[in-house]
N, C-alpha and C. Protein backbone atom coordinates (compact mmCIF):
# COMPACT_ATOMS: atom_id res chain seq x y z
N MET A 1 13.00 52.00 -47.70
CA MET A 1 12.86 50.63 -48.09
C MET A 1 14.08 49.86 -47.64
N TYR A 2 13.88 48.61 -47.37
CA TYR A 2 14.94 47.76 -46.87
C TYR A 2 15.01 46.53 -47.75
N TYR A 3 16.13 46.33 -48.38
CA TYR A 3 16.33 45.14 -49.19
C TYR A 3 16.99 44.12 -48.29
N TYR A 4 16.40 42.97 -48.14
CA TYR A 4 16.82 42.02 -47.14
C TYR A 4 16.91 40.64 -47.76
N ILE A 5 18.00 39.94 -47.48
CA ILE A 5 18.19 38.58 -47.97
C ILE A 5 18.36 37.67 -46.76
N ILE A 6 17.62 36.58 -46.73
CA ILE A 6 17.81 35.56 -45.70
C ILE A 6 18.19 34.28 -46.42
N GLU A 7 19.32 33.73 -46.05
CA GLU A 7 19.79 32.48 -46.65
C GLU A 7 19.80 31.42 -45.56
N ARG A 8 19.09 30.34 -45.79
CA ARG A 8 19.07 29.24 -44.83
C ARG A 8 19.86 28.08 -45.43
N ASN A 9 20.89 27.66 -44.71
CA ASN A 9 21.73 26.58 -45.17
C ASN A 9 21.87 25.60 -44.02
N GLY A 10 21.21 24.47 -44.13
CA GLY A 10 21.21 23.53 -43.01
C GLY A 10 20.52 24.17 -41.83
N GLY A 11 21.19 24.20 -40.68
CA GLY A 11 20.62 24.83 -39.50
C GLY A 11 21.05 26.28 -39.35
N GLU A 12 21.93 26.74 -40.25
CA GLU A 12 22.45 28.10 -40.14
C GLU A 12 21.62 29.07 -40.98
N GLU A 13 21.51 30.28 -40.49
CA GLU A 13 20.78 31.31 -41.22
C GLU A 13 21.67 32.53 -41.35
N HIS A 14 21.81 33.01 -42.57
CA HIS A 14 22.60 34.21 -42.85
C HIS A 14 21.68 35.24 -43.47
N ASP A 15 21.84 36.48 -43.09
CA ASP A 15 20.99 37.51 -43.68
C ASP A 15 21.82 38.74 -44.01
N TRP A 16 21.39 39.41 -45.06
CA TRP A 16 22.01 40.64 -45.52
C TRP A 16 20.92 41.64 -45.82
N GLY A 17 21.19 42.90 -45.65
CA GLY A 17 20.17 43.91 -45.93
C GLY A 17 20.78 45.17 -46.51
N ILE A 18 20.02 45.82 -47.35
CA ILE A 18 20.38 47.12 -47.89
C ILE A 18 19.23 48.04 -47.56
N TYR A 19 19.49 49.10 -46.87
CA TYR A 19 18.43 49.99 -46.38
C TYR A 19 18.43 51.28 -47.18
N ARG A 20 17.28 51.67 -47.64
CA ARG A 20 17.12 52.95 -48.31
C ARG A 20 16.19 53.78 -47.45
N PRO A 21 16.75 54.69 -46.62
CA PRO A 21 15.91 55.44 -45.69
C PRO A 21 15.06 56.49 -46.38
N GLY A 22 13.96 56.78 -45.77
CA GLY A 22 13.09 57.84 -46.26
C GLY A 22 11.89 57.96 -45.35
N VAL A 23 11.45 59.15 -45.10
CA VAL A 23 10.28 59.37 -44.26
C VAL A 23 9.25 60.13 -45.09
N LEU A 24 8.06 59.59 -45.14
CA LEU A 24 6.99 60.22 -45.91
C LEU A 24 5.85 60.57 -44.96
N SER A 25 5.21 61.68 -45.21
CA SER A 25 4.07 62.07 -44.38
C SER A 25 2.75 61.62 -45.00
N GLU A 26 2.82 61.00 -46.16
CA GLU A 26 1.61 60.52 -46.81
C GLU A 26 1.87 59.14 -47.39
N ASP A 27 0.84 58.52 -47.94
CA ASP A 27 0.99 57.19 -48.53
C ASP A 27 2.01 57.23 -49.66
N PHE A 28 2.75 56.15 -49.80
CA PHE A 28 3.79 56.04 -50.82
C PHE A 28 3.14 55.69 -52.16
N MET A 29 3.53 56.39 -53.22
CA MET A 29 3.00 56.09 -54.55
C MET A 29 4.14 55.60 -55.44
N VAL A 30 3.93 54.43 -56.05
CA VAL A 30 4.91 53.87 -56.95
C VAL A 30 4.65 54.42 -58.35
N THR A 31 5.63 55.12 -58.89
CA THR A 31 5.52 55.65 -60.25
C THR A 31 6.06 54.61 -61.23
N LYS A 32 5.81 54.82 -62.50
CA LYS A 32 6.32 53.91 -63.53
C LYS A 32 7.85 53.86 -63.48
N ALA A 33 8.48 55.01 -63.29
CA ALA A 33 9.95 55.06 -63.25
C ALA A 33 10.48 54.28 -62.04
N TYR A 34 9.84 54.44 -60.88
CA TYR A 34 10.30 53.73 -59.69
C TYR A 34 10.03 52.24 -59.81
N TYR A 35 8.92 51.87 -60.44
CA TYR A 35 8.61 50.46 -60.70
C TYR A 35 9.73 49.83 -61.52
N LYS A 36 10.16 50.52 -62.56
CA LYS A 36 11.24 50.00 -63.41
C LYS A 36 12.54 49.87 -62.61
N THR A 37 12.81 50.84 -61.74
CA THR A 37 14.01 50.78 -60.90
C THR A 37 13.96 49.56 -59.99
N LEU A 38 12.82 49.33 -59.35
CA LEU A 38 12.68 48.18 -58.46
C LEU A 38 12.81 46.86 -59.21
N MET A 39 12.23 46.78 -60.39
CA MET A 39 12.33 45.56 -61.19
C MET A 39 13.77 45.29 -61.61
N HIS A 40 14.50 46.36 -61.93
CA HIS A 40 15.91 46.21 -62.31
C HIS A 40 16.73 45.72 -61.11
N ARG A 41 16.49 46.30 -59.94
CA ARG A 41 17.20 45.87 -58.73
C ARG A 41 16.88 44.42 -58.39
N GLN A 42 15.61 44.05 -58.52
CA GLN A 42 15.21 42.68 -58.22
C GLN A 42 15.87 41.70 -59.19
N GLU A 43 15.91 42.05 -60.45
CA GLU A 43 16.55 41.20 -61.46
C GLU A 43 18.05 41.06 -61.19
N THR A 44 18.71 42.17 -60.87
CA THR A 44 20.13 42.16 -60.58
C THR A 44 20.44 41.30 -59.36
N LEU A 45 19.64 41.47 -58.32
CA LEU A 45 19.84 40.70 -57.10
C LEU A 45 19.56 39.22 -57.33
N SER A 46 18.55 38.91 -58.10
CA SER A 46 18.21 37.52 -58.40
C SER A 46 19.35 36.81 -59.13
N LYS A 47 20.04 37.54 -59.99
CA LYS A 47 21.17 36.96 -60.71
C LYS A 47 22.38 36.75 -59.80
N ALA A 48 22.47 37.53 -58.73
CA ALA A 48 23.64 37.49 -57.85
C ALA A 48 23.54 36.43 -56.75
N VAL A 49 22.33 35.96 -56.47
CA VAL A 49 22.15 34.98 -55.40
C VAL A 49 21.86 33.61 -55.98
N SER A 50 21.85 32.63 -55.13
CA SER A 50 21.59 31.25 -55.53
C SER A 50 20.22 31.13 -56.21
N ARG A 51 20.12 30.21 -57.13
CA ARG A 51 18.83 29.99 -57.82
C ARG A 51 17.78 29.43 -56.87
N LYS A 52 18.20 28.94 -55.73
CA LYS A 52 17.27 28.41 -54.74
C LYS A 52 16.61 29.53 -53.94
N MET A 53 17.12 30.75 -54.09
CA MET A 53 16.59 31.89 -53.34
C MET A 53 15.55 32.63 -54.16
N VAL A 54 14.61 33.23 -53.46
CA VAL A 54 13.58 34.03 -54.09
C VAL A 54 13.72 35.46 -53.57
N VAL A 55 13.59 36.43 -54.44
CA VAL A 55 13.70 37.83 -54.06
C VAL A 55 12.30 38.43 -54.00
N HIS A 56 11.98 39.05 -52.86
CA HIS A 56 10.68 39.70 -52.66
C HIS A 56 10.92 41.17 -52.35
N ASN A 57 10.10 42.04 -52.91
CA ASN A 57 10.12 43.46 -52.56
C ASN A 57 9.13 43.68 -51.43
N THR A 58 9.62 44.23 -50.32
CA THR A 58 8.77 44.53 -49.17
C THR A 58 8.91 46.01 -48.85
N LEU A 59 7.80 46.70 -48.73
CA LEU A 59 7.79 48.12 -48.38
C LEU A 59 7.42 48.25 -46.91
N ILE A 60 8.29 48.89 -46.14
CA ILE A 60 7.99 49.23 -44.76
C ILE A 60 7.83 50.74 -44.71
N THR A 61 6.62 51.18 -44.41
CA THR A 61 6.29 52.60 -44.52
C THR A 61 5.45 53.06 -43.34
N THR A 62 5.44 54.35 -43.10
CA THR A 62 4.66 54.87 -41.98
C THR A 62 3.16 54.76 -42.23
N ASN A 63 2.72 55.03 -43.45
CA ASN A 63 1.28 55.11 -43.71
C ASN A 63 0.71 54.00 -44.58
N GLY A 64 1.34 53.69 -45.67
CA GLY A 64 0.81 52.69 -46.58
C GLY A 64 1.23 53.02 -48.00
N VAL A 65 0.58 52.35 -48.93
CA VAL A 65 0.90 52.54 -50.34
C VAL A 65 -0.38 52.88 -51.09
N VAL A 66 -0.27 53.77 -52.05
CA VAL A 66 -1.39 54.10 -52.92
C VAL A 66 -1.51 52.96 -53.94
N ARG A 67 -2.66 52.33 -53.99
CA ARG A 67 -2.86 51.22 -54.93
C ARG A 67 -3.00 51.79 -56.34
N ASN A 68 -2.12 51.31 -57.22
CA ASN A 68 -2.20 51.66 -58.63
C ASN A 68 -1.62 50.52 -59.44
N GLU A 69 -1.43 50.71 -60.71
CA GLU A 69 -0.97 49.63 -61.58
C GLU A 69 0.45 49.18 -61.27
N TYR A 70 1.22 49.95 -60.51
CA TYR A 70 2.61 49.62 -60.20
C TYR A 70 2.82 49.16 -58.75
N SER A 71 1.84 49.33 -57.89
CA SER A 71 2.01 49.00 -56.47
C SER A 71 2.13 47.50 -56.23
N GLY A 72 1.76 46.69 -57.19
CA GLY A 72 1.88 45.24 -57.08
C GLY A 72 3.32 44.75 -57.07
N VAL A 73 4.27 45.65 -57.29
CA VAL A 73 5.69 45.28 -57.27
C VAL A 73 6.10 44.81 -55.87
N PHE A 74 5.34 45.22 -54.84
CA PHE A 74 5.66 44.83 -53.48
C PHE A 74 4.90 43.57 -53.11
N THR A 75 5.64 42.56 -52.66
CA THR A 75 5.03 41.34 -52.17
C THR A 75 4.34 41.60 -50.84
N ASN A 76 4.95 42.45 -50.03
CA ASN A 76 4.41 42.79 -48.71
C ASN A 76 4.49 44.30 -48.51
N VAL A 77 3.49 44.85 -47.84
CA VAL A 77 3.51 46.25 -47.41
C VAL A 77 3.25 46.23 -45.91
N ILE A 78 4.20 46.75 -45.16
CA ILE A 78 4.11 46.77 -43.70
C ILE A 78 4.05 48.22 -43.25
N THR A 79 3.03 48.56 -42.46
CA THR A 79 2.86 49.93 -41.97
C THR A 79 3.15 49.97 -40.47
N LEU A 80 3.20 51.18 -39.91
CA LEU A 80 3.38 51.32 -38.47
C LEU A 80 2.25 50.64 -37.71
N ASP A 81 1.04 50.71 -38.25
CA ASP A 81 -0.09 50.05 -37.60
C ASP A 81 0.15 48.55 -37.50
N ASP A 82 0.73 47.97 -38.55
CA ASP A 82 1.04 46.54 -38.53
C ASP A 82 2.09 46.22 -37.46
N LEU A 83 3.08 47.08 -37.35
CA LEU A 83 4.17 46.85 -36.40
C LEU A 83 3.74 47.03 -34.95
N PHE A 84 2.85 47.99 -34.72
CA PHE A 84 2.48 48.34 -33.35
C PHE A 84 1.01 48.05 -33.05
N MET A 85 0.43 47.08 -33.73
CA MET A 85 -0.97 46.73 -33.53
C MET A 85 -1.18 46.23 -32.10
N LYS A 86 -2.14 46.82 -31.45
CA LYS A 86 -2.47 46.39 -30.10
C LYS A 86 -3.30 45.12 -30.17
N SER A 87 -3.07 44.24 -29.24
CA SER A 87 -3.84 42.99 -29.24
C SER A 87 -5.31 43.30 -28.99
N ARG A 88 -6.14 42.57 -29.70
CA ARG A 88 -7.59 42.77 -29.56
C ARG A 88 -8.15 41.76 -28.58
N LYS A 89 -9.09 42.21 -27.80
CA LYS A 89 -9.71 41.31 -26.81
C LYS A 89 -11.06 40.88 -27.27
């Protein structure tokens, strides 16, 4: 997972990221414990940045995410298929 902040100030753009590497051979499943961890990180980050900024959880994964009651914590889920999608004719 990659925690990424983009700050736009006037014409300038600043970005910061925190990367949590991991390779999975199957779909990612969000457990209740991991959901709580992500919510805590999001809350902590939200308090540390400007109130004009919004914090989104985005999962970049090889396969996808298992849909369950906790998978909604991600605003976006990006898979390899999304990154390398061939143009359709």
